[in-house]
Amino acid sequence: MQTYHRVRVQLGKRDRKQIAEMLKEGRESARVLRRALILRQLDQGGTATQVAGNVGVAPKTVRAIARRYQDEGLESGLYEKPRPGQPRVLDAGQSQRIIAMVCSQPPEGQARWSVRLIAQEARKRKLVRQVGGETIRILLWDHDLKPWREKNVVRGRTGPRVHRSHGRCAGLV
């Protein structure tokens, strides 16, 4: 038979008040509000299994949130630590120079730009030391550019300063 450890969380007055305000206002993300609700229910005497059922998470999640609160305080119990993630391959200046290059005519002997050609030319022109096709594809997608098309008409994203027109870089302002 399994034994369940009762998770005991006792919020301080200040923490209890802060959680009550957060839940009342509802201005935080759903994940943060769910964690606040978990802590409040644990403070009111709920077990990890009961709280998990009420909130819609696994009991393991409830225990992890309780442990973070007890070890590191309310901020840690409510908010996630920033994740390191992969550093950006291109900085803003490099991205702008590549976009400007794509907006110009393709190299001699080429009818239009391709993702592979853009990556090769960016390295050749020393705009970047190293860049792959996927990075270029994402950059083009983010800016709604399709330089391999004969007529590259950009649609969507129309705002007060963006005009629809024909051309390789139409719509960029």
Foldseek 3Di string as FASTA:
>chain_A
DDDADFQAAADDPVLLVVLVVCLVVVPDDPQLVLLSQLNVVNNVPDGLPVSCVVSVHDSVLSNVLSVLCVPPNDCRSRDPDDDPDDDDQDDPQLLVVLVVVQQDQQDPPDRWDDLVSSQVVCCVVVSDVHDDSVSSVVSCVVLQFDGVDPWTWRDDPDDPPADTDTGRRHRDD
